[in-house]
Protein backbone atom coordinates (compact mmCIF):
# COMPACT_ATOMS: atom_id res chain seq x y z
CA MET A 1 0.13 0.02 -0.09
CA PRO A 2 1.68 3.29 -0.50
CA ILE A 3 2.27 5.74 1.73
CA ASP A 4 0.96 9.25 1.88
CA HIS A 5 3.73 11.67 2.33
CA SER A 6 1.73 14.96 1.89
CA ARG A 7 -0.43 13.73 4.92
CA LYS A 8 2.52 12.49 7.09
CA SER A 9 4.12 15.87 6.13
CA ARG A 10 1.03 17.63 7.46
CA SER A 11 1.31 15.63 10.44
CA SER A 12 4.76 16.54 11.15
CA ARG A 13 4.23 20.37 10.79
CA LEU A 14 1.16 20.11 12.93
CA GLN A 15 3.48 18.69 15.85
CA ARG A 16 5.90 21.30 15.52
CA VAL A 17 3.44 23.91 15.73
CA PHE A 18 1.77 22.07 18.89
CA SER A 19 5.13 21.66 20.17
CA GLY A 20 6.26 25.13 19.20
CA ALA A 21 2.66 26.68 21.04
CA LEU A 22 3.45 24.45 24.19
CA ALA A 23 6.92 25.73 24.58
CA GLY A 24 5.60 29.29 24.08
CA LEU A 25 2.89 28.94 26.98
CA ALA A 26 5.38 27.16 29.15
CA GLY A 27 7.86 30.24 28.85
CA ALA A 28 4.98 32.93 29.22
CA ALA A 29 4.12 31.26 32.42
CA CYS A 30 7.53 31.12 33.57
CA SER A 31 8.24 34.98 32.85
CA GLY A 32 7.56 38.05 34.81
CA PRO A 33 7.20 40.30 36.37
CA TYR A 34 4.69 39.53 38.81
CA PRO A 35 4.10 42.09 41.21
CA GLN A 36 2.02 40.30 43.57
CA SER A 37 4.36 37.15 44.23
CA THR A 38 5.49 35.87 47.35
CA LEU A 39 8.54 34.34 46.13
CA ASP A 40 10.28 37.68 45.93
CA PRO A 41 9.85 39.25 49.59
CA VAL A 42 10.88 42.62 50.89
CA SER A 43 10.40 42.52 54.40
CA GLU A 44 11.81 39.86 57.28
CA PHE A 45 8.43 38.45 57.72
CA GLY A 46 7.93 37.77 54.07
CA ALA A 47 11.36 36.17 53.76
CA ALA A 48 10.57 33.81 56.96
CA ILE A 49 7.29 33.02 54.66
CA ASP A 50 9.70 32.40 51.60
CA ASN A 51 12.07 30.16 53.57
CA LEU A 52 9.45 28.23 54.98
CA PHE A 53 7.77 27.35 51.54
CA VAL A 54 11.03 26.38 50.16
CA GLY A 55 12.05 23.97 52.92
CA ILE A 56 8.70 22.48 52.76
CA PHE A 57 9.04 22.32 48.98
CA TRP A 58 12.01 20.23 49.08
CA TRP A 59 10.47 17.79 51.67
CA ALA A 60 7.68 17.53 49.09
CA VAL A 61 10.43 16.94 46.09
CA VAL A 62 11.92 14.30 48.47
CA VAL A 63 8.57 12.48 48.89
CA PHE A 64 7.67 12.21 45.49
CA VAL A 65 10.79 11.18 44.27
CA VAL A 66 10.78 8.09 46.52
CA VAL A 67 7.25 7.34 45.82
CA GLU A 68 7.43 7.63 42.46
CA GLY A 69 10.79 6.02 42.13
CA LEU A 70 9.00 2.62 44.45
CA LEU A 71 6.27 2.89 41.91
CA LEU A 72 8.09 2.87 38.75
CA PHE A 73 10.46 -0.05 40.46
CA THR A 74 7.29 -2.12 40.88
CA ILE A 75 5.61 -1.28 37.81
CA ILE A 76 8.92 -2.61 35.63
CA LYS A 77 10.33 -5.50 38.21
CA PHE A 78 6.60 -7.21 38.83
CA ARG A 79 5.50 -6.56 35.28
CA ALA A 80 3.85 -9.29 33.39
CA GLN A 81 6.12 -11.43 31.28
CA PRO A 82 5.58 -14.58 29.11
CA GLY A 83 6.06 -18.01 31.15
CA ARG A 84 6.54 -15.84 34.23
CA PRO A 85 4.27 -17.99 37.24
CA LYS A 86 1.78 -15.72 38.91
CA PRO A 87 3.35 -13.74 41.97
CA LYS A 88 2.70 -15.21 45.52
CA PHE A 89 -0.19 -13.64 47.62
CA ILE A 90 1.30 -11.80 50.85
CA HIS A 91 -1.11 -10.99 53.57
CA GLY A 92 0.76 -8.31 56.14
CA HIS A 93 4.11 -7.53 56.35
CA THR A 94 4.68 -6.07 59.66
CA LEU A 95 8.27 -4.09 59.03
CA LEU A 96 6.40 -2.31 56.00
CA GLU A 97 3.49 -1.15 57.65
CA ILE A 98 5.35 0.18 60.59
CA THR A 99 7.69 1.81 58.04
CA TRP A 100 5.11 3.75 55.74
CA THR A 101 3.39 4.74 59.15
CA LEU A 102 6.27 6.16 60.67
CA ALA A 103 7.88 7.72 58.08
CA PRO A 104 4.91 10.12 56.92
CA ALA A 105 4.53 11.12 60.76
CA VAL A 106 8.54 12.10 60.89
CA ILE A 107 8.05 14.03 58.06
CA LEU A 108 5.00 15.73 59.22
CA VAL A 109 6.76 16.77 62.23
CA LEU A 110 9.39 17.78 60.34
CA ILE A 111 7.18 20.22 58.73
CA ALA A 112 5.55 21.21 61.66
CA VAL A 113 8.22 22.33 63.60
CA PRO A 114 9.43 25.32 61.42
CA THR A 115 6.01 26.14 60.61
CA ILE A 116 4.85 26.53 64.43
CA ARG A 117 8.38 28.20 64.92
CA THR A 118 7.58 30.82 62.53
CA ILE A 119 3.86 31.59 63.24
CA PHE A 120 4.66 32.32 67.00
CA GLU A 121 8.12 34.78 65.76
CA HIS A 122 5.86 36.60 63.88
CA ASP A 123 2.45 36.77 65.54
CA GLY A 124 1.95 40.44 64.93
CA SER A 125 3.82 41.58 68.07
CA ALA A 126 6.48 44.50 67.26
CA PRO A 127 9.01 46.53 68.82
CA GLU A 128 8.09 49.78 70.86
CA ASN A 129 9.52 52.25 68.34
CA ALA A 130 7.30 50.56 65.62
CA LEU A 131 4.95 52.89 63.66
CA VAL A 132 1.55 52.13 64.37
CA VAL A 133 -0.96 52.13 61.23
CA GLU A 134 -4.75 51.36 62.17
CA VAL A 135 -6.16 49.72 58.93
CA VAL A 136 -10.16 49.84 58.24
CA GLY A 137 -11.41 47.30 55.72
CA HIS A 138 -14.68 49.10 53.95
CA GLN A 139 -16.56 47.84 51.27
CA TRP A 140 -14.42 47.83 48.87
CA TRP A 141 -11.56 50.49 49.84
CA TRP A 142 -8.89 50.45 52.64
CA GLU A 143 -8.70 53.51 55.77
CA TYR A 144 -5.19 53.98 57.40
CA ARG A 145 -4.86 56.34 59.98
CA TYR A 146 -1.64 57.04 61.82
CA PRO A 147 -2.03 57.82 65.03
CA GLU A 148 1.65 59.24 65.80
CA TYR A 149 0.82 62.04 62.91
CA GLY A 150 -2.88 62.41 63.14
CA ILE A 151 -3.04 61.42 59.71
CA VAL A 152 -6.17 59.51 57.80
CA THR A 153 -5.85 58.83 54.27
CA ALA A 154 -7.21 55.81 52.12
CA THR A 155 -5.99 53.25 49.28
CA GLU A 156 -2.12 54.09 49.80
CA MET A 157 -0.30 53.58 52.91
CA HIS A 158 3.16 55.26 53.03
CA ILE A 159 5.83 53.71 55.35
CA PRO A 160 9.38 54.16 56.00
CA ARG A 161 11.90 51.92 55.09
CA GLY A 162 13.80 50.07 57.76
CA ARG A 163 11.39 50.85 60.65
CA PRO A 164 9.45 48.33 62.08
CA ILE A 165 5.54 48.67 61.17
CA ALA A 166 2.76 47.57 63.50
CA LEU A 167 -0.59 47.01 61.73
CA GLU A 168 -3.72 46.89 63.86
CA MET A 169 -6.58 46.04 61.44
CA THR A 170 -10.36 46.13 61.69
CA SER A 171 -13.49 46.07 59.70
CA ALA A 172 -16.28 48.61 59.49
CA ASP A 173 -18.49 46.21 57.60
CA VAL A 174 -17.89 42.49 56.60
CA ILE A 175 -15.25 40.40 56.85
CA HIS A 176 -11.70 41.29 54.73
CA SER A 177 -8.54 40.02 54.64
CA PHE A 178 -5.29 42.50 53.99
CA TRP A 179 -2.44 41.11 51.99
CA ILE A 180 0.38 42.41 50.65
CA PRO A 181 2.11 39.53 49.26
CA ARG A 182 5.61 40.86 48.98
CA LEU A 183 5.50 42.29 52.61
CA GLY A 184 4.02 39.03 54.65
CA GLY A 185 1.35 36.94 55.03
CA LYS A 186 -2.38 37.64 54.98
CA ARG A 187 -4.69 38.98 57.86
CA ASP A 188 -8.40 38.58 58.23
CA VAL A 189 -9.71 41.55 59.54
CA LEU A 190 -13.09 41.49 61.45
CA MET A 191 -15.37 43.82 62.72
CA GLY A 192 -15.52 44.64 66.68
CA ARG A 193 -11.83 42.60 66.65
CA VAL A 194 -8.06 43.80 66.37
CA SER A 195 -5.81 41.81 64.41
CA ARG A 196 -2.44 42.67 64.15
CA LEU A 197 0.70 42.19 61.54
CA ALA A 198 4.22 43.54 62.07
CA PHE A 199 7.10 43.50 59.71
CA THR A 200 10.16 46.03 57.97
CA ALA A 201 10.44 46.67 54.83
CA ASP A 202 14.20 46.18 53.39
CA SER A 203 13.21 47.55 50.18
CA SER A 204 11.82 51.02 48.59
CA GLY A 205 9.20 50.89 46.06
CA ARG A 206 5.09 50.20 45.38
CA PHE A 207 3.84 47.31 46.39
CA LEU A 208 0.35 45.90 45.55
CA GLY A 209 -1.79 43.99 47.20
CA GLN A 210 -6.02 43.16 47.62
CA CYS A 211 -8.23 41.96 49.69
CA ALA A 212 -8.18 38.12 50.01
CA GLU A 213 -11.30 37.24 51.51
CA PHE A 214 -14.75 37.59 49.57
CA CYS A 215 -16.36 40.65 50.62
CA GLY A 216 -19.21 41.53 48.33
CA GLU A 217 -19.81 42.66 44.54
CA SER A 218 -16.57 44.51 44.19
CA HIS A 219 -14.30 42.09 46.34
CA ALA A 220 -12.29 41.91 43.27
CA ASN A 221 -11.70 45.87 42.93
CA MET A 222 -10.50 46.29 46.85
CA ARG A 223 -7.18 46.93 45.89
CA ALA A 224 -4.04 48.11 48.28
CA THR A 225 -0.90 49.91 47.70
CA VAL A 226 1.74 50.09 50.29
CA VAL A 227 4.47 52.66 49.37
CA VAL A 228 7.81 52.05 51.26
CA GLU A 229 10.07 55.32 50.83
CA GLU A 230 13.22 56.30 52.64
CA LEU A 231 13.32 58.21 55.60
CA ALA A 232 13.84 61.65 54.33
CA GLU A 233 10.62 61.01 51.32
CA PHE A 234 8.65 59.52 54.21
CA GLU A 235 9.05 62.60 56.39
CA ALA A 236 8.35 64.71 53.55
CA TRP A 237 4.79 63.06 52.75
CA VAL A 238 4.07 63.17 56.65
CA ALA A 239 4.80 67.18 56.40
CA GLY A 240 2.37 67.41 52.96
CA GLN A 241 -0.54 65.21 54.96
CA THR A 242 -0.20 67.17 57.99
CA THR A 243 -0.74 70.60 56.28
CA THR A 244 -3.90 72.17 55.85
CA PRO A 245 -5.32 72.44 52.04
CA SER A 246 -5.11 76.07 50.47
CA PRO A 247 -8.06 77.82 51.84
CA ILE A 248 -10.88 78.67 49.22
CA ASP A 249 -10.23 82.10 48.77
CA SER A 250 -6.96 81.20 47.33
CA LEU A 251 -8.24 78.88 44.44
CA SER A 252 -9.01 79.80 41.29
CA PRO A 253 -12.41 80.56 39.94
CA LEU A 254 -13.46 77.01 38.81
CA GLU A 255 -11.91 75.26 41.88
CA ARG A 256 -13.92 77.51 44.14
CA ARG A 257 -16.89 76.55 42.28
CA GLY A 258 -15.90 72.92 42.73
CA ALA A 259 -15.46 73.53 46.37
CA GLU A 260 -19.25 74.78 46.33
CA GLU A 261 -20.29 72.19 44.51
CA PHE A 262 -18.50 69.58 46.82
CA THR A 263 -20.34 71.57 49.90
CA ARG A 264 -23.96 72.11 48.37
CA VAL A 265 -26.47 70.27 49.94
CA ARG A 266 -28.25 68.39 47.56
CA ASP A 267 -31.64 66.32 47.36
CA PRO A 268 -31.65 63.95 48.84
CA ALA A 269 -28.99 65.00 51.31
CA SER A 270 -27.38 61.29 51.33
CA ASN A 271 -26.08 62.92 47.71
CA SER A 272 -24.03 65.38 49.13
CA CYS A 273 -20.19 64.96 48.97
CA MET A 274 -19.70 66.54 52.21
CA VAL A 275 -22.00 64.06 54.12
CA CYS A 276 -19.89 61.11 53.47
CA HIS A 277 -16.32 62.57 52.76
CA ALA A 278 -13.91 64.65 54.80
CA VAL A 279 -11.85 67.37 53.98
CA ALA A 280 -9.93 69.21 56.50
CA GLY A 281 -11.33 72.77 57.39
CA VAL A 282 -14.63 72.05 54.74
CA SER A 283 -16.15 68.82 55.88
CA PHE A 284 -16.02 65.72 58.23
CA GLY A 285 -17.79 62.93 56.66
CA VAL A 286 -16.53 59.59 57.60
CA LEU A 287 -18.19 57.11 55.65
CA GLY A 288 -16.11 57.58 52.53
CA PRO A 289 -12.73 57.82 52.12
CA ASN A 290 -10.91 61.26 53.63
CA LEU A 291 -10.35 63.51 50.58
CA THR A 292 -8.16 66.07 52.25
CA HIS A 293 -4.96 65.26 50.24
CA LEU A 294 -6.65 63.24 47.44
CA ALA A 295 -4.37 64.87 44.61
CA SER A 296 -1.42 63.23 46.43
CA ARG A 297 -2.51 59.78 45.75
CA ARG A 298 -1.82 57.77 42.41
CA THR A 299 -5.40 55.88 42.24
CA ILE A 300 -9.08 56.64 43.63
CA ALA A 301 -11.88 53.93 44.07
CA GLY A 302 -10.04 51.76 46.21
CA GLY A 303 -7.18 51.64 43.82
CA ILE A 304 -8.71 50.98 40.11
CA LEU A 305 -8.92 54.07 38.85
CA GLU A 306 -5.85 56.78 38.29
CA SER A 307 -6.40 60.08 39.96
CA GLY A 308 -5.97 62.18 37.48
CA GLU A 309 -8.67 64.04 35.36
CA GLU A 310 -9.94 60.97 33.49
CA GLY A 311 -10.12 58.69 36.38
CA LEU A 312 -12.08 61.38 38.40
CA ARG A 313 -14.32 62.23 35.58
CA ARG A 314 -15.28 58.70 35.11
CA TRP A 315 -15.98 57.75 39.03
CA LEU A 316 -17.83 61.31 39.26
CA ARG A 317 -20.28 60.45 36.20
CA ASP A 318 -21.07 56.81 37.45
CA PRO A 319 -19.67 55.32 40.51
CA PRO A 320 -21.53 52.43 40.29
CA GLY A 321 -20.73 51.80 36.59
CA ALA A 322 -17.03 52.02 37.48
CA LYS A 323 -16.97 49.68 40.72
CA PRO A 324 -20.22 47.53 40.83
CA GLY A 325 -22.07 47.80 44.00
CA SER A 326 -20.62 51.01 44.96
CA LEU A 327 -21.98 52.42 48.06
CA MET A 328 -21.40 55.92 46.51
CA PRO A 329 -24.48 56.50 44.41
CA ARG A 330 -24.73 57.95 40.77
CA ILE A 331 -25.80 61.67 41.23
CA ASP A 332 -26.33 62.57 37.57
CA LEU A 333 -23.97 65.67 37.54
CA THR A 334 -23.77 67.83 34.81
CA GLU A 335 -20.44 68.31 32.78
CA GLU A 336 -19.95 71.91 33.93
CA GLU A 337 -20.44 70.42 37.82
CA ILE A 338 -17.97 67.57 37.01
CA ASP A 339 -15.36 70.13 35.45
CA ALA A 340 -15.67 72.26 38.70
CA LEU A 341 -15.17 68.87 41.12
CA VAL A 342 -12.21 67.73 39.35
CA ALA A 343 -10.54 70.84 39.53
CA TYR A 344 -11.00 71.10 43.27
CA LEU A 345 -10.12 67.75 43.76
CA ARG A 346 -7.24 67.83 42.11
CA ALA A 347 -6.10 71.11 43.79
CA LEU A 348 -6.25 69.06 47.24
CA ASP A 349 -2.75 68.13 47.26
């Protein structure tokens, strides 16, 4: 029967294409960057978790090699062959049964000891000179309070590199979970309780995280950013956050109109900006993020939008459209009102 060389050639090409696609996918899976990877820690807490993971990983490799090696040895040695008699049936083997009972127990102990030690070493306790940051989870954004400086902000937490940080975390509503993978393990955040997390960042930069406990419709949009700065940069940030915003009289005409729109009592009153948001010297709302220095943040709306003009416009036009389930309602502002509010909010630096 003649061989169809064209079909064989097509099959060979398909195999090469398929192999190339698999290699490409494997390469993509191993490439970076991964900004929320726990395998690239930037704190002693994160490093402890990484070291624990590596140790357990190699124990898992040893177990895998031994078990699969014995399995392959058994399959090859005792495979059916022509002329080979049927194997003898064996009922029970005391030494083997003791071995496969004790071996896993010993391995579990060797894994449990460093795990428990790491848990107790990083239980949330911090030295006396630690910077305390009170973290409050809301649907769906994070609030940060600095009792040492009297600062209240949202979305972005600023901390100095090299100084111990003590997070005291609670929730204003449902259960949340605070997690910045490169800085350390996550902590559940519950209403009426205080969860603690302590770490010391050893690298400067912006490190991303998010809520790791399903908390409602926009759970996936509840993001977090920790900005680790050198001491001088952090002190400059603190100085900027503790200044009072420029008085309304010093603003441009458009910014002043925005301030008027911000403080205007609307119908219903719940649609008034100042009812939910605080701006130092202007309003004292506590339901939404504190906006005193909004323009100093890179993101708004729980971290999903840039804080520039485009992001502010999109948010003011339709908050629930940008963030499903948003507790901030759609107010049906005119474009002129949006222009004024954007100008005012961008002046809050």
